[in-house]
N, C-alpha and C. Protein backbone atom coordinates (compact mmCIF):
# COMPACT_ATOMS: atom_id res chain seq x y z
N MET A 1 -3.78 3.31 -20.03
CA MET A 1 -3.32 2.13 -19.53
C MET A 1 -2.67 2.41 -18.30
N MET A 2 -1.93 3.08 -18.33
CA MET A 2 -0.75 3.64 -17.54
C MET A 2 -1.19 3.51 -16.05
N THR A 3 -2.44 4.90 -16.49
CA THR A 3 -3.21 5.16 -15.27
C THR A 3 -4.15 3.93 -14.63
N GLY A 4 -4.67 3.36 -15.44
CA GLY A 4 -5.47 2.39 -14.96
C GLY A 4 -4.89 1.18 -14.13
N LEU A 5 -3.76 1.09 -14.21
CA LEU A 5 -2.64 0.06 -13.52
C LEU A 5 -2.17 0.86 -12.29
N ILE A 6 -1.88 1.61 -12.63
CA ILE A 6 -1.63 2.41 -11.14
C ILE A 6 -2.92 2.50 -10.28
N LEU A 7 -3.79 3.42 -10.46
CA LEU A 7 -4.82 3.00 -9.87
C LEU A 7 -5.13 1.63 -9.44
N ALA A 8 -5.43 0.73 -10.25
CA ALA A 8 -5.47 -0.74 -9.87
C ALA A 8 -4.34 -0.99 -8.30
N VAL A 9 -3.36 -0.36 -8.75
CA VAL A 9 -2.16 -0.93 -7.49
C VAL A 9 -2.67 0.06 -5.99
N ALA A 10 -2.85 1.12 -6.45
CA ALA A 10 -3.56 1.93 -5.40
C ALA A 10 -4.81 1.65 -4.69
N ARG A 11 -5.20 0.96 -5.40
CA ARG A 11 -6.89 0.15 -4.84
C ARG A 11 -6.32 -0.79 -4.10
N ALA A 12 -5.81 -2.05 -4.68
CA ALA A 12 -4.93 -3.32 -3.98
C ALA A 12 -3.91 -2.82 -2.47
N ALA A 13 -3.86 -1.67 -2.47
CA ALA A 13 -3.09 -1.07 -1.47
C ALA A 13 -4.12 -1.11 -0.03
N GLY A 14 -4.68 -0.47 -0.50
CA GLY A 14 -6.19 -0.39 0.62
C GLY A 14 -6.75 -1.98 0.66
N GLU A 15 -6.61 -2.75 -0.13
CA GLU A 15 -7.44 -4.01 -0.17
C GLU A 15 -6.71 -5.15 0.54
N VAL A 16 -7.45 -5.73 1.84
CA VAL A 16 -6.65 -6.74 2.65
C VAL A 16 -6.91 -8.08 2.50
N ALA A 17 -8.20 -8.45 1.75
CA ALA A 17 -8.22 -9.82 1.59
C ALA A 17 -7.54 -10.72 0.67
N PRO A 18 -7.26 -9.80 -0.36
CA PRO A 18 -6.26 -10.69 -1.88
C PRO A 18 -5.09 -11.01 -1.29
N LEU A 19 -4.36 -9.83 -0.50
CA LEU A 19 -2.72 -9.85 0.06
C LEU A 19 -2.93 -11.13 1.28
N MET A 20 -4.14 -11.00 1.69
CA MET A 20 -3.71 -12.43 2.82
C MET A 20 -3.75 -13.62 2.12
N LEU A 21 -3.85 -13.88 1.13
CA LEU A 21 -3.39 -15.23 0.44
C LEU A 21 -2.55 -15.06 -0.08
N VAL A 22 -1.52 -13.66 -0.24
CA VAL A 22 0.15 -13.83 -0.97
C VAL A 22 0.68 -13.49 0.01
N GLY A 23 0.70 -13.35 1.24
CA GLY A 23 1.75 -13.13 2.37
C GLY A 23 1.90 -12.28 3.65
N VAL A 24 0.34 -12.30 3.84
CA VAL A 24 0.43 -11.21 4.77
C VAL A 24 0.56 -11.82 6.13
N VAL A 25 0.81 -11.50 7.22
CA VAL A 25 1.27 -12.31 8.70
C VAL A 25 0.54 -11.39 9.27
N LYS A 26 0.26 -11.62 10.74
CA LYS A 26 0.56 -11.22 12.00
C LYS A 26 1.25 -10.09 12.34
N LEU A 27 2.46 -10.89 12.18
CA LEU A 27 3.43 -9.95 12.14
C LEU A 27 5.12 -10.10 12.02
N ALA A 28 5.48 -9.35 11.09
CA ALA A 28 6.81 -9.44 10.33
C ALA A 28 7.67 -8.74 11.18
N PRO A 29 8.70 -9.35 11.23
CA PRO A 29 9.74 -9.13 12.21
C PRO A 29 10.71 -8.22 11.47
N ALA A 30 11.00 -8.36 9.95
CA ALA A 30 11.56 -7.80 8.78
C ALA A 30 10.99 -6.91 7.70
N LEU A 31 11.47 -6.03 7.01
CA LEU A 31 10.88 -5.77 6.25
C LEU A 31 11.56 -6.64 5.02
N PRO A 32 10.81 -7.07 3.66
CA PRO A 32 11.13 -7.51 2.56
C PRO A 32 12.38 -6.76 1.90
N VAL A 33 12.43 -5.99 2.19
CA VAL A 33 13.23 -5.24 1.65
C VAL A 33 14.43 -4.82 2.57
N ASP A 34 15.76 -5.38 1.66
CA ASP A 34 17.15 -4.66 2.27
C ASP A 34 18.28 -4.74 1.45
N GLY A 35 19.40 -4.34 1.83
CA GLY A 35 20.38 -4.14 1.45
C GLY A 35 21.05 -5.27 0.26
N ASN A 36 20.64 -6.12 0.29
CA ASN A 36 20.98 -7.68 -0.54
C ASN A 36 20.42 -7.93 -1.64
N TYR A 37 21.06 -8.31 -2.35
CA TYR A 37 20.46 -8.23 -3.93
C TYR A 37 20.04 -9.37 -3.86
N PRO A 38 18.42 -9.65 -4.56
CA PRO A 38 18.26 -8.66 -5.01
C PRO A 38 17.14 -7.72 -4.54
N TYR A 39 17.34 -7.33 -2.93
CA TYR A 39 16.78 -5.93 -2.58
C TYR A 39 15.82 -5.94 -2.50
N PHE A 40 14.45 -6.88 -3.35
CA PHE A 40 12.99 -6.99 -2.86
C PHE A 40 12.92 -8.51 -2.97
N HIS A 41 13.13 -9.08 -1.84
CA HIS A 41 12.75 -10.20 -1.56
C HIS A 41 10.96 -10.68 -1.72
N LEU A 42 10.67 -11.31 -2.53
CA LEU A 42 9.33 -11.91 -2.82
C LEU A 42 9.05 -13.40 -1.67
N ASP A 43 10.01 -13.63 -1.30
CA ASP A 43 9.44 -15.12 -0.73
C ASP A 43 9.51 -14.83 0.90
N GLN A 44 9.83 -13.42 1.39
CA GLN A 44 9.51 -12.82 3.02
C GLN A 44 8.13 -12.94 3.13
N LYS A 45 7.43 -12.96 4.28
CA LYS A 45 6.05 -12.59 4.82
C LYS A 45 6.50 -10.89 5.07
N PHE A 46 4.97 -10.51 4.82
CA PHE A 46 5.01 -8.76 5.15
C PHE A 46 3.70 -8.49 5.64
N MET A 47 3.33 -7.35 6.41
CA MET A 47 2.37 -7.16 7.16
C MET A 47 1.74 -5.79 6.56
N HIS A 48 0.14 -6.02 6.69
CA HIS A 48 -0.31 -5.12 5.68
C HIS A 48 -1.11 -4.21 6.86
N LEU A 49 -1.26 -2.83 6.04
CA LEU A 49 -1.58 -1.79 6.97
C LEU A 49 -3.19 -2.30 7.59
N GLY A 50 -3.56 -2.22 6.58
CA GLY A 50 -5.35 -2.79 7.03
C GLY A 50 -5.15 -3.63 7.81
N PHE A 51 -4.81 -5.08 7.75
CA PHE A 51 -4.98 -6.06 8.56
C PHE A 51 -4.60 -5.44 10.07
N HIS A 52 -2.99 -4.89 10.23
CA HIS A 52 -2.91 -3.92 11.46
C HIS A 52 -3.78 -3.24 11.84
N ILE A 53 -4.51 -2.25 11.53
CA ILE A 53 -5.78 -1.38 12.23
C ILE A 53 -6.86 -2.66 12.65
N TYR A 54 -6.95 -3.68 11.55
CA TYR A 54 -7.97 -4.36 12.25
C TYR A 54 -7.57 -5.12 13.35
N ASP A 55 -6.17 -5.91 13.56
CA ASP A 55 -5.74 -6.76 14.83
C ASP A 55 -5.37 -5.76 15.29
N VAL A 56 -4.90 -4.46 15.67
CA VAL A 56 -4.95 -3.65 17.34
C VAL A 56 -6.31 -3.18 17.27
N GLY A 57 -7.09 -2.60 16.57
CA GLY A 57 -8.11 -1.69 16.86
C GLY A 57 -9.21 -3.07 17.60
N PHE A 58 -9.60 -4.22 16.78
CA PHE A 58 -10.40 -5.36 17.49
C PHE A 58 -10.16 -6.25 18.40
N GLN A 59 -8.70 -6.71 18.14
CA GLN A 59 -8.14 -7.71 18.54
C GLN A 59 -7.19 -7.64 20.04
N SER A 60 -6.96 -6.17 20.45
CA SER A 60 -6.14 -5.44 21.54
C SER A 60 -6.87 -5.98 22.78
N PRO A 61 -6.75 -6.48 23.62
CA PRO A 61 -7.37 -6.23 25.19
C PRO A 61 -7.54 -4.85 25.77
N ASN A 62 -6.42 -4.19 25.13
CA ASN A 62 -7.51 -2.69 25.88
C ASN A 62 -7.40 -2.05 24.38
N VAL A 63 -8.59 -1.58 24.11
CA VAL A 63 -8.97 -0.86 22.72
C VAL A 63 -8.42 0.63 22.93
N GLU A 64 -8.96 1.12 24.36
CA GLU A 64 -8.82 2.70 24.37
C GLU A 64 -7.47 2.79 23.99
N ALA A 65 -6.40 1.99 24.68
CA ALA A 65 -5.12 2.88 24.61
C ALA A 65 -4.46 2.68 23.35
N ALA A 66 -5.26 1.22 22.57
CA ALA A 66 -4.60 1.32 20.94
C ALA A 66 -5.24 2.16 20.14
N ARG A 67 -5.89 3.09 20.38
CA ARG A 67 -6.97 3.98 19.75
C ARG A 67 -5.74 5.03 18.69
N PRO A 68 -5.05 5.42 19.71
CA PRO A 68 -3.80 6.38 18.68
C PRO A 68 -3.26 5.64 17.79
N LEU A 69 -2.89 4.54 18.02
CA LEU A 69 -1.90 3.80 17.06
C LEU A 69 -2.90 3.43 15.78
N VAL A 70 -4.47 3.20 16.14
CA VAL A 70 -5.11 2.99 15.16
C VAL A 70 -5.65 4.15 14.19
N PHE A 71 -5.63 5.12 14.86
CA PHE A 71 -5.76 6.18 13.80
C PHE A 71 -4.51 6.77 12.94
N ALA A 72 -3.07 6.67 13.64
CA ALA A 72 -2.02 6.81 13.03
C ALA A 72 -1.76 5.75 11.98
N THR A 73 -2.07 4.92 11.88
CA THR A 73 -1.96 3.42 10.98
C THR A 73 -3.00 3.96 9.86
N ALA A 74 -4.18 4.09 10.04
CA ALA A 74 -5.46 5.00 9.29
C ALA A 74 -4.77 5.92 8.54
N LEU A 75 -4.55 6.67 9.11
CA LEU A 75 -3.88 7.73 8.40
C LEU A 75 -2.56 7.22 7.29
N LEU A 76 -1.80 6.98 7.65
CA LEU A 76 -0.66 6.36 6.91
C LEU A 76 -1.02 5.54 5.89
N LEU A 77 -1.82 4.70 5.99
CA LEU A 77 -2.95 4.32 4.68
C LEU A 77 -3.16 5.18 3.59
N VAL A 78 -4.09 6.19 4.36
CA VAL A 78 -4.68 6.79 3.84
C VAL A 78 -3.09 8.03 2.71
N LEU A 79 -3.11 8.23 3.42
CA LEU A 79 -1.53 9.00 2.48
C LEU A 79 -0.90 7.76 1.66
N VAL A 80 -0.49 6.80 1.73
CA VAL A 80 -0.24 6.02 0.91
C VAL A 80 -1.16 6.10 -0.77
N ILE A 81 -2.00 5.62 0.03
CA ILE A 81 -3.41 5.44 -1.31
C ILE A 81 -3.46 6.89 -2.16
N ALA A 82 -3.27 7.92 -1.53
CA ALA A 82 -3.67 9.25 -1.84
C ALA A 82 -2.21 9.35 -2.98
N LEU A 83 -0.62 8.85 -2.26
CA LEU A 83 0.20 9.62 -2.94
C LEU A 83 0.20 8.52 -4.28
N LEU A 84 -0.12 7.18 -4.26
CA LEU A 84 -0.17 6.50 -5.38
C LEU A 84 -0.93 6.98 -6.60
N ASN A 85 -2.06 7.43 -5.61
CA ASN A 85 -3.24 8.18 -7.14
C ASN A 85 -2.64 9.37 -7.45
N GLN A 86 -2.21 10.19 -6.73
CA GLN A 86 -1.58 10.93 -7.58
C GLN A 86 -0.38 11.20 -8.51
N LEU A 87 0.40 10.25 -8.03
CA LEU A 87 1.43 9.44 -8.91
C LEU A 87 0.42 9.27 -9.67
N ALA A 88 -0.19 8.40 -9.97
CA ALA A 88 -0.76 8.21 -11.75
C ALA A 88 -1.57 9.12 -11.78
N VAL A 89 -1.62 9.90 -11.44
CA VAL A 89 -2.42 11.70 -12.27
C VAL A 89 -1.30 12.22 -12.80
N SER A 90 -0.12 12.08 -12.31
CA SER A 90 1.01 12.93 -12.61
C SER A 90 1.81 12.63 -13.62
N ILE A 91 1.92 10.77 -13.52
CA ILE A 91 2.34 10.19 -14.96
C ILE A 91 1.44 10.18 -15.91
N ARG A 92 -0.16 9.68 -15.77
CA ARG A 92 -0.67 10.76 -16.97
C ARG A 92 -0.95 11.56 -17.58
N ASN A 93 -0.72 12.57 -16.84
CA ASN A 93 -0.69 13.91 -17.73
C ASN A 93 0.78 14.44 -18.27
N ARG A 94 1.84 13.52 -17.98
CA ARG A 94 3.58 13.37 -18.09
C ARG A 94 2.89 12.81 -19.71
N LEU A 95 2.46 11.78 -19.98
CA LEU A 95 2.66 10.88 -20.51
C LEU A 95 1.59 11.54 -21.83
N ARG A 96 0.54 11.96 -21.36
CA ARG A 96 -0.47 12.86 -22.52
C ARG A 96 0.20 14.10 -23.19
N GLU A 97 1.66 14.47 -22.32
CA GLU A 97 1.72 16.15 -23.00
C GLU A 97 2.95 15.46 -23.95
N LYS A 98 3.80 14.21 -23.53
CA LYS A 98 4.94 13.93 -24.31
C LYS A 98 4.15 12.97 -25.95
N TYR A 99 2.94 12.83 -26.01
CA TYR A 99 2.57 12.04 -26.85
C TYR A 99 1.14 12.90 -27.61
N LYS A 100 1.04 14.32 -27.27
CA LYS A 100 0.00 14.92 -27.42
C LYS A 100 0.82 15.32 -28.99
N ALA A 101 1.89 15.68 -29.64
CA ALA A 101 2.52 15.85 -30.73
C ALA A 101 2.28 14.85 -31.56
N LEU A 102 2.13 13.26 -31.50
CA LEU A 102 1.34 12.42 -32.39
C LEU A 102 0.07 12.04 -32.68
N ASP A 103 -0.95 13.02 -32.15
CA ASP A 103 -2.22 12.83 -32.23
C ASP A 103 -2.56 13.87 -33.77
N ILE A 104 -2.91 12.65 -34.69
CA ILE A 104 -3.23 13.61 -35.84
C ILE A 104 -4.64 14.44 -35.88
């Protein structure tokens, strides 16, 4: 169940449409994370990497000049999703080893 939950979060990191309903904006001037308690502010808006790729790649007046930024953003999004998937695999393996002794 833990692996499925983490893989679902990784998939959601790549999906733009559901996140558009919960707070994605075209430009977020500040991160929703800062040094003030409770440190993670869910009431602040945020920008999604997938929406950033669409916005810069297709809505920019000079698409050729924006192409390196689109590639860099796409690479960052792929790396974040790969990192979340690797985290899921490592947690699954650690829990499998931990509870292996409980199997009868």
